[in-house]
Amino acid sequence: MEKAVVLFLRVSIQLLALPIYLLSFLGMWDSFCKKIFFPFLLEKLTASYNRRASGHKQELFGNLQEFAGPAGELTLLEIGTGTGANFQFYPPGCKITCTDTNLNFQRSLSKSMAQNQHLQFQRFLVAPGEDLNQVADSSMDAVVCTLVLCSVQSIEGVLKEVLRVLRPGGAFYFLEHVAADPSSWTYFWQQVFYPTWKLVFDGCCLTREPWKNLEQAKFSEIKLRHIQVPLYWAPVQSHIVGYAIK
């Protein structure tokens, strides 16, 4: 019965989003989404998300400086930098390499960089998290990835690259929305919204379980918690947060 209700509601939402599905069928949606819609939407949502998640981010990044190299400098690689939503939480003097697959966040990213002059921005790489070949082996003290693993092609591929670029003893920091408890109403609505959400939000998958990938990766230590971020307007309240040490 539940599966039938999910299917009925899923189709109903798809009908409401029919113009987007039509644009996708005609090959017009992907370009419009990446160039205009998603950058605009992400810029608007970032401030709201940071207000609700700021406490978690402050706690998460509070010990970043502990992973600085022998000279006291912290070199950090951020995968999926987007609009630069995490910059304000990084320690002064942090040397950052930014990566993203979408160049259309540039306006918001430049604004964030100008507002966070306590940081040293090294370079911006157009690269997916699964292929960071422009970054040398064991060259980073820390790697950060927030709200990105939901839309990558391969979580395993990203974690493999993270382990490659981290120096021994370096840390991978993560904050990701994930699949909710299967017995919850949130999970029910994640199932309902899944296909349309993925189309509208540039490949974002609502029901991934990245904590399983982290547990299977070859980190020496993982500190991970399941938390709820109060995003009542969307089925993405369930998150994992923490860091893993190479």
C-alpha atoms as a PDB file:
ATOM      1  CA  MET A   1       0.000   0.000   0.000  1.00  0.00           C
ATOM      2  CA  GLU A   2       2.773   2.426   0.932  1.00  0.00           C
ATOM      3  CA  LYS A   3       4.576   1.820  -2.367  1.00  0.00           C
ATOM      4  CA  ALA A   4       1.368   2.556  -4.258  1.00  0.00           C
ATOM      5  CA  VAL A   5       0.882   5.833  -2.368  1.00  0.00           C
ATOM      6  CA  VAL A   6       4.515   6.831  -3.017  1.00  0.00           C
ATOM      7  CA  LEU A   7       4.110   6.077  -6.719  1.00  0.00           C
ATOM      8  CA  PHE A   8       0.842   8.041  -6.938  1.00  0.00           C
ATOM      9  CA  LEU A   9       2.311  11.109  -5.202  1.00  0.00           C
ATOM     10  CA  ARG A  10       5.527  10.831  -7.227  1.00  0.00           C
ATOM     11  CA  VAL A  11       3.581  10.883 -10.495  1.00  0.00           C
ATOM     12  CA  SER A  12       1.469  13.786  -9.236  1.00  0.00           C
ATOM     13  CA  ILE A  13       4.594  15.854  -8.556  1.00  0.00           C
ATOM     14  CA  GLN A  14       6.035  14.883 -11.927  1.00  0.00           C
ATOM     15  CA  LEU A  15       2.865  16.164 -13.578  1.00  0.00           C
ATOM     16  CA  LEU A  16       3.192  19.462 -11.719  1.00  0.00           C
ATOM     17  CA  ALA A  17       6.792  19.668 -12.949  1.00  0.00           C
ATOM     18  CA  LEU A  18       5.842  18.665 -16.494  1.00  0.00           C
ATOM     19  CA  PRO A  19       7.301  21.818 -18.123  1.00  0.00           C
ATOM     20  CA  ILE A  20      10.709  20.986 -16.627  1.00  0.00           C
ATOM     21  CA  TYR A  21      10.471  17.383 -17.796  1.00  0.00           C
ATOM     22  CA  LEU A  22       9.566  18.665 -21.267  1.00  0.00           C
ATOM     23  CA  LEU A  23      12.584  20.989 -21.318  1.00  0.00           C
ATOM     24  CA  SER A  24      14.732  18.067 -20.205  1.00  0.00           C
ATOM     25  CA  PHE A  25      13.335  15.876 -22.983  1.00  0.00           C
ATOM     26  CA  LEU A  26      14.163  18.609 -25.504  1.00  0.00           C
ATOM     27  CA  GLY A  27      17.718  18.866 -24.142  1.00  0.00           C
ATOM     28  CA  MET A  28      17.230  22.417 -22.860  1.00  0.00           C
ATOM     29  CA  TRP A  29      16.924  22.006 -19.085  1.00  0.00           C
ATOM     30  CA  ASP A  30      20.439  20.860 -18.172  1.00  0.00           C
ATOM     31  CA  SER A  31      22.136  23.923 -19.652  1.00  0.00           C
ATOM     32  CA  PHE A  32      19.554  26.330 -18.198  1.00  0.00           C
ATOM     33  CA  CYS A  33      19.779  24.633 -14.795  1.00  0.00           C
ATOM     34  CA  LYS A  34      23.582  24.753 -14.591  1.00  0.00           C
ATOM     35  CA  LYS A  35      24.017  28.257 -16.014  1.00  0.00           C
ATOM     36  CA  ILE A  36      21.078  30.165 -14.548  1.00  0.00           C
ATOM     37  CA  PHE A  37      18.587  28.366 -12.293  1.00  0.00           C
ATOM     38  CA  PHE A  38      20.808  26.401  -9.910  1.00  0.00           C
ATOM     39  CA  PRO A  39      23.431  29.151  -9.315  1.00  0.00           C
ATOM     40  CA  PHE A  40      20.606  31.643  -8.625  1.00  0.00           C
ATOM     41  CA  LEU A  41      18.804  29.205  -6.303  1.00  0.00           C
ATOM     42  CA  LEU A  42      21.948  28.173  -4.441  1.00  0.00           C
ATOM     43  CA  GLU A  43      22.898  31.799  -3.811  1.00  0.00           C
ATOM     44  CA  LYS A  44      19.473  32.411  -2.250  1.00  0.00           C
ATOM     45  CA  LEU A  45      19.469  29.226  -0.173  1.00  0.00           C
ATOM     46  CA  THR A  46      23.046  29.421   1.111  1.00  0.00           C
ATOM     47  CA  ALA A  47      22.401  32.200   3.644  1.00  0.00           C
ATOM     48  CA  SER A  48      19.312  30.407   4.970  1.00  0.00           C
ATOM     49  CA  TYR A  49      21.150  27.092   5.248  1.00  0.00           C
ATOM     50  CA  ASN A  50      24.140  28.658   7.010  1.00  0.00           C
ATOM     51  CA  ARG A  51      21.867  30.268   9.597  1.00  0.00           C
ATOM     52  CA  ARG A  52      20.381  26.884  10.455  1.00  0.00           C
ATOM     53  CA  ALA A  53      23.624  24.906  10.258  1.00  0.00           C
ATOM     54  CA  SER A  54      26.091  27.491  11.589  1.00  0.00           C
ATOM     55  CA  GLY A  55      26.398  25.840  14.992  1.00  0.00           C
ATOM     56  CA  HIS A  56      27.223  22.496  13.400  1.00  0.00           C
ATOM     57  CA  LYS A  57      29.733  24.108  11.041  1.00  0.00           C
ATOM     58  CA  GLN A  58      31.456  26.041  13.824  1.00  0.00           C
ATOM     59  CA  GLU A  59      31.809  22.851  15.847  1.00  0.00           C
ATOM     60  CA  LEU A  60      32.921  20.828  12.817  1.00  0.00           C
ATOM     61  CA  PHE A  61      35.636  23.222  11.683  1.00  0.00           C
ATOM     62  CA  GLY A  62      36.677  24.270  15.183  1.00  0.00           C
ATOM     63  CA  ASN A  63      39.729  21.983  15.204  1.00  0.00           C
ATOM     64  CA  LEU A  64      40.883  22.531  11.607  1.00  0.00           C
ATOM     65  CA  GLN A  65      44.032  24.337  12.691  1.00  0.00           C
ATOM     66  CA  GLU A  66      45.148  21.235  14.582  1.00  0.00           C
ATOM     67  CA  PHE A  67      45.859  19.589  11.227  1.00  0.00           C
ATOM     68  CA  ALA A  68      48.211  22.342  10.042  1.00  0.00           C
ATOM     69  CA  GLY A  69      51.627  21.283   8.744  1.00  0.00           C
ATOM     70  CA  PRO A  70      54.936  21.583  10.644  1.00  0.00           C
ATOM     71  CA  ALA A  71      55.305  25.260   9.697  1.00  0.00           C
ATOM     72  CA  GLY A  72      51.878  26.024  11.154  1.00  0.00           C
ATOM     73  CA  GLU A  73      50.292  26.655   7.742  1.00  0.00           C
ATOM     74  CA  LEU A  74      47.050  24.883   6.881  1.00  0.00           C
ATOM     75  CA  THR A  75      46.609  23.846   3.235  1.00  0.00           C
ATOM     76  CA  LEU A  76      43.009  22.989   2.447  1.00  0.00           C
ATOM     77  CA  LEU A  77      41.245  21.624  -0.623  1.00  0.00           C
ATOM     78  CA  GLU A  78      37.504  22.203  -0.913  1.00  0.00           C
ATOM     79  CA  ILE A  79      35.566  19.906  -3.241  1.00  0.00           C
ATOM     80  CA  GLY A  80      32.459  21.542  -4.710  1.00  0.00           C
ATOM     81  CA  THR A  81      33.131  25.042  -3.403  1.00  0.00           C
ATOM     82  CA  GLY A  82      29.986  26.475  -5.003  1.00  0.00           C
ATOM     83  CA  THR A  83      29.302  29.945  -3.596  1.00  0.00           C
ATOM     84  CA  GLY A  84      31.952  29.725  -0.856  1.00  0.00           C
ATOM     85  CA  ALA A  85      29.504  29.049   1.956  1.00  0.00           C
ATOM     86  CA  ASN A  86      32.175  27.575   4.233  1.00  0.00           C
ATOM     87  CA  PHE A  87      34.804  30.316   3.963  1.00  0.00           C
ATOM     88  CA  GLN A  88      33.664  32.190   7.056  1.00  0.00           C
ATOM     89  CA  PHE A  89      34.272  29.100   9.215  1.00  0.00           C
ATOM     90  CA  TYR A  90      37.911  28.527   8.187  1.00  0.00           C
ATOM     91  CA  PRO A  91      40.817  29.721  10.406  1.00  0.00           C
ATOM     92  CA  PRO A  92      42.841  32.838   9.458  1.00  0.00           C
ATOM     93  CA  GLY A  93      45.722  32.247   7.071  1.00  0.00           C
ATOM     94  CA  CYS A  94      44.291  29.020   5.706  1.00  0.00           C
ATOM     95  CA  LYS A  95      45.561  28.371   2.152  1.00  0.00           C
ATOM     96  CA  ILE A  96      42.630  27.215   0.042  1.00  0.00           C
ATOM     97  CA  THR A  97      42.397  25.462  -3.289  1.00  0.00           C
ATOM     98  CA  CYS A  98      38.810  25.583  -4.578  1.00  0.00           C
ATOM     99  CA  THR A  99      37.277  23.078  -6.979  1.00  0.00           C
ATOM    100  CA  ASP A 100      33.941  22.819  -8.725  1.00  0.00           C
ATOM    101  CA  THR A 101      32.511  21.490 -11.965  1.00  0.00           C
ATOM    102  CA  ASN A 102      30.287  24.531 -12.485  1.00  0.00           C
ATOM    103  CA  LEU A 103      31.882  27.880 -13.387  1.00  0.00           C
ATOM    104  CA  ASN A 104      28.558  29.693 -13.097  1.00  0.00           C
ATOM    105  CA  PHE A 105      28.912  30.259  -9.345  1.00  0.00           C
ATOM    106  CA  GLN A 106      31.664  32.765 -10.078  1.00  0.00           C
ATOM    107  CA  ARG A 107      29.740  35.921  -9.122  1.00  0.00           C
ATOM    108  CA  SER A 108      28.715  34.586  -5.708  1.00  0.00           C
ATOM    109  CA  LEU A 109      32.092  32.960  -5.179  1.00  0.00           C
ATOM    110  CA  SER A 110      33.963  36.208  -5.891  1.00  0.00           C
ATOM    111  CA  LYS A 111      31.708  37.998  -3.411  1.00  0.00           C
ATOM    112  CA  SER A 112      32.442  35.386  -0.720  1.00  0.00           C
ATOM    113  CA  MET A 113      36.181  35.626  -1.376  1.00  0.00           C
ATOM    114  CA  ALA A 114      36.076  39.406  -0.999  1.00  0.00           C
ATOM    115  CA  GLN A 115      34.205  39.042   2.313  1.00  0.00           C
ATOM    116  CA  ASN A 116      36.724  36.547   3.721  1.00  0.00           C
ATOM    117  CA  GLN A 117      40.092  38.201   3.342  1.00  0.00           C
ATOM    118  CA  HIS A 118      41.411  36.332   6.386  1.00  0.00           C
ATOM    119  CA  LEU A 119      42.011  33.431   3.974  1.00  0.00           C
ATOM    120  CA  GLN A 120      44.633  32.895   1.269  1.00  0.00           C
ATOM    121  CA  PHE A 121      43.063  31.686  -1.955  1.00  0.00           C
ATOM    122  CA  GLN A 122      45.576  29.697  -3.985  1.00  0.00           C
ATOM    123  CA  ARG A 123      43.733  28.605  -7.125  1.00  0.00           C
ATOM    124  CA  PHE A 124      40.407  27.478  -8.561  1.00  0.00           C
ATOM    125  CA  LEU A 125      40.228  24.154 -10.414  1.00  0.00           C
ATOM    126  CA  VAL A 126      37.412  23.082 -12.704  1.00  0.00           C
ATOM    127  CA  ALA A 127      37.353  19.420 -11.776  1.00  0.00           C
ATOM    128  CA  PRO A 128      34.991  16.746 -10.442  1.00  0.00           C
ATOM    129  CA  GLY A 129      35.750  15.232  -7.065  1.00  0.00           C
ATOM    130  CA  GLU A 130      36.430  11.885  -8.705  1.00  0.00           C
ATOM    131  CA  ASP A 131      39.303  13.304 -10.792  1.00  0.00           C
ATOM    132  CA  LEU A 132      41.594  15.709  -8.949  1.00  0.00           C
ATOM    133  CA  ASN A 133      44.665  14.934 -11.041  1.00  0.00           C
ATOM    134  CA  GLN A 134      45.749  18.599 -10.873  1.00  0.00           C
ATOM    135  CA  VAL A 135      46.345  18.164  -7.133  1.00  0.00           C
ATOM    136  CA  ALA A 136      49.560  16.414  -6.081  1.00  0.00           C
ATOM    137  CA  ASP A 137      49.644  13.306  -3.899  1.00  0.00           C
ATOM    138  CA  SER A 138      49.831  13.896  -0.123  1.00  0.00           C
ATOM    139  CA  SER A 139      49.790  17.685  -0.624  1.00  0.00           C
ATOM    140  CA  MET A 140      46.836  18.721   1.551  1.00  0.00           C
ATOM    141  CA  ASP A 141      46.444  18.974   5.319  1.00  0.00           C
ATOM    142  CA  ALA A 142      42.650  18.928   5.017  1.00  0.00           C
ATOM    143  CA  VAL A 143      39.953  18.298   2.441  1.00  0.00           C
ATOM    144  CA  VAL A 144      36.420  19.647   2.888  1.00  0.00           C
ATOM    145  CA  CYS A 145      33.228  18.453   1.219  1.00  0.00           C
ATOM    146  CA  THR A 146      29.796  19.776   2.238  1.00  0.00           C
ATOM    147  CA  LEU A 147      26.493  19.044   0.475  1.00  0.00           C
ATOM    148  CA  VAL A 148      28.365  17.549  -2.469  1.00  0.00           C
ATOM    149  CA  LEU A 149      28.330  13.753  -2.098  1.00  0.00           C
ATOM    150  CA  CYS A 150      24.608  13.800  -2.882  1.00  0.00           C
ATOM    151  CA  SER A 151      25.318  14.666  -6.512  1.00  0.00           C
ATOM    152  CA  VAL A 152      28.709  13.188  -7.430  1.00  0.00           C
ATOM    153  CA  GLN A 153      28.886  10.328  -9.912  1.00  0.00           C
ATOM    154  CA  SER A 154      30.823   8.072  -7.525  1.00  0.00           C
ATOM    155  CA  ILE A 155      31.232   8.553  -3.778  1.00  0.00           C
ATOM    156  CA  GLU A 156      33.863   5.803  -3.788  1.00  0.00           C
ATOM    157  CA  GLY A 157      35.793   7.660  -6.496  1.00  0.00           C
ATOM    158  CA  VAL A 158      35.724  10.906  -4.510  1.00  0.00           C
ATOM    159  CA  LEU A 159      36.952   9.240  -1.322  1.00  0.00           C
ATOM    160  CA  LYS A 160      39.739   7.530  -3.247  1.00  0.00           C
ATOM    161  CA  GLU A 161      40.935  10.927  -4.487  1.00  0.00           C
ATOM    162  CA  VAL A 162      40.571  12.438  -1.013  1.00  0.00           C
ATOM    163  CA  LEU A 163      42.859   9.768   0.416  1.00  0.00           C
ATOM    164  CA  ARG A 164      45.352  10.320  -2.392  1.00  0.00           C
ATOM    165  CA  VAL A 165      45.712  14.095  -1.945  1.00  0.00           C
ATOM    166  CA  LEU A 166      45.696  14.087   1.870  1.00  0.00           C
ATOM    167  CA  ARG A 167      49.034  13.845   3.633  1.00  0.00           C
ATOM    168  CA  PRO A 168      49.339  11.070   6.240  1.00  0.00           C
ATOM    169  CA  GLY A 169      47.542  12.307   9.332  1.00  0.00           C
ATOM    170  CA  GLY A 170      45.475  14.783   7.305  1.00  0.00           C
ATOM    171  CA  ALA A 171      41.692  15.038   7.723  1.00  0.00           C
ATOM    172  CA  PHE A 172      38.627  14.875   5.496  1.00  0.00           C
ATOM    173  CA  TYR A 173      35.763  17.043   6.784  1.00  0.00           C
ATOM    174  CA  PHE A 174      32.190  16.383   5.681  1.00  0.00           C
ATOM    175  CA  LEU A 175      28.654  17.660   6.231  1.00  0.00           C
ATOM    176  CA  GLU A 176      26.113  15.930   3.990  1.00  0.00           C
ATOM    177  CA  HIS A 177      22.371  15.496   3.833  1.00  0.00           C
ATOM    178  CA  VAL A 178      21.484  11.809   3.717  1.00  0.00           C
ATOM    179  CA  ALA A 179      18.669   9.291   3.620  1.00  0.00           C
ATOM    180  CA  ALA A 180      16.402   9.608   6.645  1.00  0.00           C
ATOM    181  CA  ASP A 181      15.356   6.746   8.918  1.00  0.00           C
ATOM    182  CA  PRO A 182      13.292   4.396   6.690  1.00  0.00           C
ATOM    183  CA  SER A 183      10.492   4.408   9.276  1.00  0.00           C
ATOM    184  CA  SER A 184      10.167   8.215   9.244  1.00  0.00           C
ATOM    185  CA  TRP A 185       7.847  10.523   7.340  1.00  0.00           C
ATOM    186  CA  THR A 186      10.910  12.349   6.021  1.00  0.00           C
ATOM    187  CA  TYR A 187      12.056   9.177   4.269  1.00  0.00           C
ATOM    188  CA  PHE A 188       8.554   8.722   2.851  1.00  0.00           C
ATOM    189  CA  TRP A 189       8.698  12.192   1.277  1.00  0.00           C
ATOM    190  CA  GLN A 190      12.258  11.608   0.101  1.00  0.00           C
ATOM    191  CA  GLN A 191      10.923   8.643  -1.863  1.00  0.00           C
ATOM    192  CA  VAL A 192       8.101  10.749  -3.270  1.00  0.00           C
ATOM    193  CA  PHE A 193      10.254  13.701  -4.345  1.00  0.00           C
ATOM    194  CA  TYR A 194      13.304  11.692  -5.453  1.00  0.00           C
ATOM    195  CA  PRO A 195      13.103  11.776  -9.308  1.00  0.00           C
ATOM    196  CA  THR A 196      11.823  15.335  -9.623  1.00  0.00           C
ATOM    197  CA  TRP A 197      14.205  16.644  -6.958  1.00  0.00           C
ATOM    198  CA  LYS A 198      17.156  15.076  -8.774  1.00  0.00           C
ATOM    199  CA  LEU A 199      16.127  16.719 -12.042  1.00  0.00           C
ATOM    200  CA  VAL A 200      15.409  20.160 -10.594  1.00  0.00           C
ATOM    201  CA  PHE A 201      18.408  20.332  -8.248  1.00  0.00           C
ATOM    202  CA  ASP A 202      21.158  19.388 -10.699  1.00  0.00           C
ATOM    203  CA  GLY A 203      21.534  15.691  -9.863  1.00  0.00           C
ATOM    204  CA  CYS A 204      21.005  15.881  -6.095  1.00  0.00           C
ATOM    205  CA  CYS A 205      19.986  12.450  -4.719  1.00  0.00           C
ATOM    206  CA  LEU A 206      17.853  12.456  -1.566  1.00  0.00           C
ATOM    207  CA  THR A 207      18.393   8.871  -0.413  1.00  0.00           C
ATOM    208  CA  ARG A 208      22.147   8.289  -0.440  1.00  0.00           C
ATOM    209  CA  GLU A 209      23.884   6.707   2.559  1.00  0.00           C
ATOM    210  CA  PRO A 210      27.460   8.061   2.364  1.00  0.00           C
ATOM    211  CA  TRP A 211      28.321   6.978   5.911  1.00  0.00           C
ATOM    212  CA  LYS A 212      28.542   3.437   4.534  1.00  0.00           C
ATOM    213  CA  ASN A 213      31.089   4.552   1.923  1.00  0.00           C
ATOM    214  CA  LEU A 214      33.118   6.359   4.584  1.00  0.00           C
ATOM    215  CA  GLU A 215      33.154   3.267   6.773  1.00  0.00           C
ATOM    216  CA  GLN A 216      34.398   1.172   3.843  1.00  0.00           C
ATOM    217  CA  ALA A 217      37.119   3.645   2.813  1.00  0.00           C
ATOM    218  CA  LYS A 218      40.651   3.221   4.147  1.00  0.00           C
ATOM    219  CA  PHE A 219      40.682   5.955   6.779  1.00  0.00           C
ATOM    220  CA  SER A 220      42.539   5.245  10.004  1.00  0.00           C
ATOM    221  CA  GLU A 221      39.886   6.935  12.144  1.00  0.00           C
ATOM    222  CA  ILE A 222      36.380   8.294  11.585  1.00  0.00           C
ATOM    223  CA  LYS A 223      34.414  10.638  13.831  1.00  0.00           C
ATOM    224  CA  LEU A 224      30.832  10.742  12.498  1.00  0.00           C
ATOM    225  CA  ARG A 225      27.477  11.807  13.902  1.00  0.00           C
ATOM    226  CA  HIS A 226      23.939  11.717  12.523  1.00  0.00           C
ATOM    227  CA  ILE A 227      22.204  15.047  13.103  1.00  0.00           C
ATOM    228  CA  GLN A 228      19.065  16.925  12.114  1.00  0.00           C
ATOM    229  CA  VAL A 229      19.295  20.368  10.521  1.00  0.00           C
ATOM    230  CA  PRO A 230      15.961  22.253  10.804  1.00  0.00           C
ATOM    231  CA  LEU A 231      15.197  22.704   7.106  1.00  0.00           C
ATOM    232  CA  TYR A 232      11.450  22.388   7.350  1.00  0.00           C
ATOM    233  CA  TRP A 233      10.901  23.500   3.749  1.00  0.00           C
ATOM    234  CA  ALA A 234      12.680  20.458   2.279  1.00  0.00           C
ATOM    235  CA  PRO A 235      13.115  16.698   2.899  1.00  0.00           C
ATOM    236  CA  VAL A 236      16.825  17.098   3.668  1.00  0.00           C
ATOM    237  CA  GLN A 237      16.874  17.494   7.444  1.00  0.00           C
ATOM    238  CA  SER A 238      18.864  14.290   8.040  1.00  0.00           C
ATOM    239  CA  HIS A 239      22.636  14.871   7.869  1.00  0.00           C
ATOM    240  CA  ILE A 240      25.930  13.291   8.785  1.00  0.00           C
ATOM    241  CA  VAL A 241      28.760  15.452  10.086  1.00  0.00           C
ATOM    242  CA  GLY A 242      32.331  14.746  11.124  1.00  0.00           C
ATOM    243  CA  TYR A 243      35.839  14.105   9.891  1.00  0.00           C
ATOM    244  CA  ALA A 244      38.011  11.153   8.928  1.00  0.00           C
ATOM    245  CA  ILE A 245      41.781  10.912   9.342  1.00  0.00           C
ATOM    246  CA  LYS A 246      44.110   9.363   6.773  1.00  0.00           C
END
